[in-house]
Structure formats: C-alpha cells, structure tokens
C-alpha atoms as a PDB file:
ATOM      1  CA  MET A   1     -39.450 140.346  46.176  1.00  0.00           C
ATOM      2  CA  ALA A   2     -42.222 140.606  43.594  1.00  0.00           C
ATOM      3  CA  ARG A   3     -42.085 138.296  40.618  1.00  0.00           C
ATOM      4  CA  ALA A   4     -42.701 139.525  37.104  1.00  0.00           C
ATOM      5  CA  HIS A   5     -46.144 138.679  35.764  1.00  0.00           C
ATOM      6  CA  THR A   6     -45.924 135.771  33.357  1.00  0.00           C
ATOM      7  CA  LYS A   7     -48.785 134.357  31.361  1.00  0.00           C
ATOM      8  CA  LYS A   8     -49.350 130.675  32.118  1.00  0.00           C
ATOM      9  CA  ILE A   9     -49.370 128.422  29.085  1.00  0.00           C
ATOM     10  CA  SER A  10     -52.241 125.935  29.225  1.00  0.00           C
ATOM     11  CA  THR A  11     -51.986 122.260  28.415  1.00  0.00           C
ATOM     12  CA  ARG A  12     -54.074 122.844  25.282  1.00  0.00           C
ATOM     13  CA  GLN A  13     -51.650 125.529  24.127  1.00  0.00           C
ATOM     14  CA  LYS A  14     -48.680 123.234  24.724  1.00  0.00           C
ATOM     15  CA  VAL A  15     -50.384 120.465  22.762  1.00  0.00           C
ATOM     16  CA  LEU A  16     -51.127 122.867  19.877  1.00  0.00           C
ATOM     17  CA  ALA A  17     -47.473 123.985  19.866  1.00  0.00           C
ATOM     18  CA  VAL A  18     -46.272 120.383  19.664  1.00  0.00           C
ATOM     19  CA  ILE A  19     -48.798 119.549  16.921  1.00  0.00           C
ATOM     20  CA  LEU A  20     -47.577 122.537  14.889  1.00  0.00           C
ATOM     21  CA  ALA A  21     -43.952 121.468  15.507  1.00  0.00           C
ATOM     22  CA  ALA A  22     -44.802 117.998  14.190  1.00  0.00           C
ATOM     23  CA  LEU A  23     -46.534 119.564  11.177  1.00  0.00           C
ATOM     24  CA  CYS A  24     -43.412 121.651  10.513  1.00  0.00           C
ATOM     25  CA  CYS A  25     -41.231 118.552  10.769  1.00  0.00           C
ATOM     26  CA  VAL A  26     -43.421 116.645   8.301  1.00  0.00           C
ATOM     27  CA  ALA A  27     -44.119 119.583   5.956  1.00  0.00           C
ATOM     28  CA  THR A  28     -40.425 120.220   5.402  1.00  0.00           C
ATOM     29  CA  PRO A  29     -39.600 116.988   3.529  1.00  0.00           C
ATOM     30  CA  LEU A  30     -43.071 116.351   2.084  1.00  0.00           C
ATOM     31  CA  THR A  31     -43.444 119.716   0.353  1.00  0.00           C
ATOM     32  CA  ARG A  32     -40.038 120.009  -1.283  1.00  0.00           C
ATOM     33  CA  ILE A  33     -40.145 122.079  -4.445  1.00  0.00           C
ATOM     34  CA  PRO A  34     -36.800 121.675  -6.231  1.00  0.00           C
ATOM     35  CA  VAL A  35     -34.909 124.792  -7.305  1.00  0.00           C
ATOM     36  CA  PRO A  36     -32.388 123.272  -9.734  1.00  0.00           C
ATOM     37  CA  ALA A  37     -30.657 126.557 -10.543  1.00  0.00           C
ATOM     38  CA  ALA A  38     -29.868 127.074  -6.882  1.00  0.00           C
ATOM     39  CA  GLY A  39     -29.236 123.403  -6.130  1.00  0.00           C
ATOM     40  CA  GLY A  40     -31.752 123.234  -3.314  1.00  0.00           C
ATOM     41  CA  PHE A  41     -35.468 123.333  -2.608  1.00  0.00           C
ATOM     42  CA  ILE A  42     -38.311 125.386  -1.193  1.00  0.00           C
ATOM     43  CA  HIS A  43     -40.530 123.801   1.449  1.00  0.00           C
ATOM     44  CA  ALA A  44     -43.521 124.708   3.587  1.00  0.00           C
ATOM     45  CA  GLY A  45     -41.690 124.332   6.921  1.00  0.00           C
ATOM     46  CA  ASP A  46     -41.031 128.061   7.267  1.00  0.00           C
ATOM     47  CA  SER A  47     -44.683 128.825   6.583  1.00  0.00           C
ATOM     48  CA  VAL A  48     -45.716 126.570   9.480  1.00  0.00           C
ATOM     49  CA  ILE A  49     -43.264 128.439  11.736  1.00  0.00           C
ATOM     50  CA  LEU A  50     -44.865 131.703  10.625  1.00  0.00           C
ATOM     51  CA  VAL A  51     -48.375 130.375  11.305  1.00  0.00           C
ATOM     52  CA  GLY A  52     -47.351 129.408  14.834  1.00  0.00           C
ATOM     53  CA  ALA A  53     -45.635 132.738  15.462  1.00  0.00           C
ATOM     54  CA  VAL A  54     -48.022 135.212  13.841  1.00  0.00           C
ATOM     55  CA  PHE A  55     -51.286 133.574  14.904  1.00  0.00           C
ATOM     56  CA  PHE A  56     -50.324 132.246  18.332  1.00  0.00           C
ATOM     57  CA  GLY A  57     -47.286 134.202  19.566  1.00  0.00           C
ATOM     58  CA  PRO A  58     -43.579 133.899  20.314  1.00  0.00           C
ATOM     59  CA  PHE A  59     -43.776 130.724  22.432  1.00  0.00           C
ATOM     60  CA  PHE A  60     -45.489 128.878  19.578  1.00  0.00           C
ATOM     61  CA  GLY A  61     -43.129 130.321  16.991  1.00  0.00           C
ATOM     62  CA  ALA A  62     -40.052 129.285  18.961  1.00  0.00           C
ATOM     63  CA  VAL A  63     -41.343 125.763  19.650  1.00  0.00           C
ATOM     64  CA  VAL A  64     -42.561 125.167  16.105  1.00  0.00           C
ATOM     65  CA  GLY A  65     -39.395 126.559  14.540  1.00  0.00           C
ATOM     66  CA  GLY A  66     -36.857 125.165  16.951  1.00  0.00           C
ATOM     67  CA  ILE A  67     -38.260 121.718  17.599  1.00  0.00           C
ATOM     68  CA  GLY A  68     -40.062 121.029  14.313  1.00  0.00           C
ATOM     69  CA  SER A  69     -37.217 122.126  12.055  1.00  0.00           C
ATOM     70  CA  THR A  70     -34.535 120.473  14.193  1.00  0.00           C
ATOM     71  CA  PHE A  71     -36.283 117.116  13.969  1.00  0.00           C
ATOM     72  CA  ALA A  72     -36.714 117.632  10.211  1.00  0.00           C
ATOM     73  CA  ASP A  73     -32.916 118.023   9.958  1.00  0.00           C
ATOM     74  CA  ILE A  74     -32.292 114.946  12.102  1.00  0.00           C
ATOM     75  CA  PHE A  75     -34.738 112.781  10.109  1.00  0.00           C
ATOM     76  CA  ALA A  76     -33.212 114.042   6.836  1.00  0.00           C
ATOM     77  CA  GLY A  77     -29.777 112.821   7.908  1.00  0.00           C
ATOM     78  CA  ALA A  78     -28.487 116.340   8.488  1.00  0.00           C
ATOM     79  CA  ALA A  79     -28.055 116.111  12.265  1.00  0.00           C
ATOM     80  CA  VAL A  80     -24.799 118.069  12.062  1.00  0.00           C
ATOM     81  CA  TRP A  81     -26.930 121.148  11.298  1.00  0.00           C
ATOM     82  CA  ALA A  82     -29.480 120.442  14.065  1.00  0.00           C
ATOM     83  CA  PRO A  83     -27.889 122.677  16.762  1.00  0.00           C
ATOM     84  CA  PHE A  84     -27.779 125.588  14.323  1.00  0.00           C
ATOM     85  CA  THR A  85     -31.331 124.892  13.175  1.00  0.00           C
ATOM     86  CA  LEU A  86     -32.596 124.769  16.762  1.00  0.00           C
ATOM     87  CA  CYS A  87     -31.179 128.249  17.398  1.00  0.00           C
ATOM     88  CA  ILE A  88     -31.936 129.817  14.009  1.00  0.00           C
ATOM     89  CA  LYS A  89     -35.455 128.495  13.460  1.00  0.00           C
ATOM     90  CA  GLY A  90     -36.365 128.942  17.129  1.00  0.00           C
ATOM     91  CA  LEU A  91     -35.208 132.565  16.960  1.00  0.00           C
ATOM     92  CA  MET A  92     -37.099 133.049  13.690  1.00  0.00           C
ATOM     93  CA  GLY A  93     -40.352 131.940  15.278  1.00  0.00           C
ATOM     94  CA  PHE A  94     -39.768 133.860  18.487  1.00  0.00           C
ATOM     95  CA  LEU A  95     -38.992 137.144  16.715  1.00  0.00           C
ATOM     96  CA  ALA A  96     -41.923 136.801  14.336  1.00  0.00           C
ATOM     97  CA  GLY A  97     -44.244 136.143  17.289  1.00  0.00           C
ATOM     98  CA  VAL A  98     -42.947 139.182  19.175  1.00  0.00           C
ATOM     99  CA  ILE A  99     -43.307 141.509  16.168  1.00  0.00           C
ATOM    100  CA  ALA A 100     -46.662 140.251  14.842  1.00  0.00           C
ATOM    101  CA  ASP A 101     -49.818 141.847  16.148  1.00  0.00           C
ATOM    102  CA  TYR A 102     -52.381 139.259  15.012  1.00  0.00           C
ATOM    103  CA  ASN A 103     -51.725 137.294  18.193  1.00  0.00           C
ATOM    104  CA  LYS A 104     -52.201 140.498  20.198  1.00  0.00           C
ATOM    105  CA  GLY A 105     -55.716 141.221  18.968  1.00  0.00           C
ATOM    106  CA  ASN A 106     -55.287 142.889  15.550  1.00  0.00           C
ATOM    107  CA  LYS A 107     -57.083 140.374  13.345  1.00  0.00           C
ATOM    108  CA  LYS A 108     -55.877 141.863  10.056  1.00  0.00           C
ATOM    109  CA  VAL A 109     -53.740 139.101   8.540  1.00  0.00           C
ATOM    110  CA  PHE A 110     -51.757 141.500   6.364  1.00  0.00           C
ATOM    111  CA  SER A 111     -51.234 144.307   8.882  1.00  0.00           C
ATOM    112  CA  PRO A 112     -47.881 146.101   8.569  1.00  0.00           C
ATOM    113  CA  ARG A 113     -46.572 144.400  11.731  1.00  0.00           C
ATOM    114  CA  ASN A 114     -47.569 140.927  10.540  1.00  0.00           C
ATOM    115  CA  VAL A 115     -45.888 141.493   7.165  1.00  0.00           C
ATOM    116  CA  LEU A 116     -42.802 142.880   8.932  1.00  0.00           C
ATOM    117  CA  ALA A 117     -42.762 139.766  11.139  1.00  0.00           C
ATOM    118  CA  VAL A 118     -42.584 137.565   8.040  1.00  0.00           C
ATOM    119  CA  PHE A 119     -39.656 139.513   6.597  1.00  0.00           C
ATOM    120  CA  VAL A 120     -37.749 139.643   9.892  1.00  0.00           C
ATOM    121  CA  CYS A 121     -38.315 135.909  10.338  1.00  0.00           C
ATOM    122  CA  GLU A 122     -36.961 135.076   6.895  1.00  0.00           C
ATOM    123  CA  ALA A 123     -34.055 137.550   7.167  1.00  0.00           C
ATOM    124  CA  THR A 124     -33.101 135.832  10.428  1.00  0.00           C
ATOM    125  CA  MET A 125     -33.017 132.518   8.580  1.00  0.00           C
ATOM    126  CA  VAL A 126     -30.757 133.836   5.820  1.00  0.00           C
ATOM    127  CA  ALA A 127     -28.367 135.565   8.255  1.00  0.00           C
ATOM    128  CA  GLY A 128     -28.383 132.625  10.656  1.00  0.00           C
ATOM    129  CA  TYR A 129     -27.542 129.992   8.069  1.00  0.00           C
ATOM    130  CA  PHE A 130     -24.958 132.279   6.454  1.00  0.00           C
ATOM    131  CA  THR A 131     -23.219 132.409   9.833  1.00  0.00           C
ATOM    132  CA  ALA A 132     -23.645 128.668  10.412  1.00  0.00           C
ATOM    133  CA  VAL A 133     -22.170 127.766   7.025  1.00  0.00           C
ATOM    134  CA  MET A 134     -19.265 130.138   7.636  1.00  0.00           C
ATOM    135  CA  ILE A 135     -18.582 128.375  10.948  1.00  0.00           C
ATOM    136  CA  MET A 136     -18.956 124.864   9.524  1.00  0.00           C
ATOM    137  CA  LEU A 137     -17.425 125.430   6.088  1.00  0.00           C
ATOM    138  CA  ASP A 138     -16.170 128.743   4.647  1.00  0.00           C
ATOM    139  CA  LEU A 139     -17.147 132.211   3.393  1.00  0.00           C
ATOM    140  CA  LYS A 140     -17.359 131.216  -0.272  1.00  0.00           C
ATOM    141  CA  THR A 141     -19.763 128.358   0.457  1.00  0.00           C
ATOM    142  CA  ALA A 142     -21.752 130.545   2.862  1.00  0.00           C
ATOM    143  CA  SER A 143     -22.147 133.215   0.179  1.00  0.00           C
ATOM    144  CA  ALA A 144     -23.386 130.679  -2.370  1.00  0.00           C
ATOM    145  CA  ALA A 145     -25.729 129.077   0.180  1.00  0.00           C
ATOM    146  CA  ALA A 146     -27.157 132.493   1.077  1.00  0.00           C
ATOM    147  CA  LEU A 147     -28.559 132.796  -2.441  1.00  0.00           C
ATOM    148  CA  LEU A 148     -30.421 129.525  -1.989  1.00  0.00           C
ATOM    149  CA  ASP A 149     -31.573 130.674   1.431  1.00  0.00           C
ATOM    150  CA  LEU A 150     -33.005 133.834  -0.155  1.00  0.00           C
ATOM    151  CA  VAL A 151     -35.023 131.632  -2.535  1.00  0.00           C
ATOM    152  CA  GLN A 152     -36.146 129.496   0.424  1.00  0.00           C
ATOM    153  CA  ALA A 153     -37.099 132.655   2.355  1.00  0.00           C
ATOM    154  CA  GLY A 154     -39.163 133.967  -0.541  1.00  0.00           C
ATOM    155  CA  GLY A 155     -40.858 130.613  -1.000  1.00  0.00           C
ATOM    156  CA  GLY A 156     -41.612 130.252   2.700  1.00  0.00           C
ATOM    157  CA  ALA A 157     -43.061 133.769   2.830  1.00  0.00           C
ATOM    158  CA  LEU A 158     -45.145 133.193  -0.305  1.00  0.00           C
ATOM    159  CA  ILE A 159     -46.583 129.934   1.026  1.00  0.00           C
ATOM    160  CA  TYR A 160     -47.384 131.654   4.328  1.00  0.00           C
ATOM    161  CA  PHE A 161     -49.117 134.586   2.583  1.00  0.00           C
ATOM    162  CA  ILE A 162     -51.274 132.094   0.667  1.00  0.00           C
ATOM    163  CA  LEU A 163     -52.139 130.083   3.816  1.00  0.00           C
ATOM    164  CA  ALA A 164     -52.641 133.008   6.229  1.00  0.00           C
ATOM    165  CA  PRO A 165     -56.204 133.991   5.199  1.00  0.00           C
ATOM    166  CA  VAL A 166     -57.315 130.345   5.495  1.00  0.00           C
ATOM    167  CA  VAL A 167     -55.672 129.924   8.909  1.00  0.00           C
ATOM    168  CA  SER A 168     -57.286 133.195  10.011  1.00  0.00           C
ATOM    169  CA  ARG A 169     -60.766 131.871   9.183  1.00  0.00           C
ATOM    170  CA  VAL A 170     -60.091 128.505  10.850  1.00  0.00           C
ATOM    171  CA  THR A 171     -58.690 130.004  14.065  1.00  0.00           C
ATOM    172  CA  LYS A 172     -61.232 132.824  14.316  1.00  0.00           C
ATOM    173  CA  ASN A 173     -63.194 131.226  17.147  1.00  0.00           C
ATOM    174  CA  MET A 174     -60.371 129.406  18.963  1.00  0.00           C
ATOM    175  CA  SER A 175     -60.833 130.888  22.407  1.00  0.00           C
ATOM    176  CA  PHE A 176     -58.358 128.606  24.245  1.00  0.00           C
ATOM    177  CA  ILE A 177     -55.395 130.247  22.509  1.00  0.00           C
END
C-alpha cells in the first residue's frame, strides 16, 4: 500500500519551532499590557504564535501555540487551564499556518490569506476559551471573559501586524525553512 507523501521536518526546523515556543512562553508574561476596564491584559504571546504559523507553517504554529502557551500557563500558576490552552493555542497556530500563504511562497505579508489567518487564529482563541470557561465555570463568566478575550485578540493581532514586516525582512533569506 502506498503511503501519503509527507514532508520531513529537519532538525533545524524542529529547533526553530522550539525556540519560537520558548519565545512565546517568555513573551506572554514579560509583555503584559494591563487592560483595567476588562480586568485582564494583552500580551505578545499570540503574535509569536502568528509569526510561527504565517511565516513557517502549521507545524510551527501548532508547536509554538500549544507548547509555548501551555508552559506560560503552567509557569503563571494557571496549570488548571493548561489542557485547554494546549488544544486552543495549538489549534490557533495550526489553522493560521494552513490558511496563510506566506509560508507557501506568497511573500506579501498582508495578503488576504495572511490577514484571514490572523482573524481565524484569534477567533479560534475567543471561541475556544469561551467554551473552556463554560466547562470550568459557567455561561455568565464565559460571556464576561469573552469580552476580555476579544481585547486580547485585537492586541495580539495588532502586535503581529506591527512585527510582521520586520520578521519578513529577517526571514527573507532563510533557506532551511
């Protein structure tokens, strides 16, 4: 029986994925921007997930989002949310990497598919945590938390859109990816 063609992931690519996951883990607590009205904060963690996904593909997005954000939760003392974060943030990165076309050869940072990838990624976060909070707590709390998640989504997208042109220039000649 013939096996489906799968692209082998090199050791360098795996190392880059883990480095980006570590950056996501560190960026989350170190870049907190308080949002007092919403009772939470914006951070750069989502933007690192988007960099991994849009520039390098779904594998990178899933690893950066799932592993980096899960460890950020664990180190923040929020391990109870870690299983949800692993699924939600991993799915965010995977979906963004599948939708984006930068990693497929279109080197326009703000192409319609790359912008769509950002919005799908952040919508996945809002819907995912809404569901998680409903499971862990209740509908009323989930509804209130969703408003904060919308602020977080907007902040993560904004930070990504600011960083994307810089990342594009830096990664322009990275042939091992």
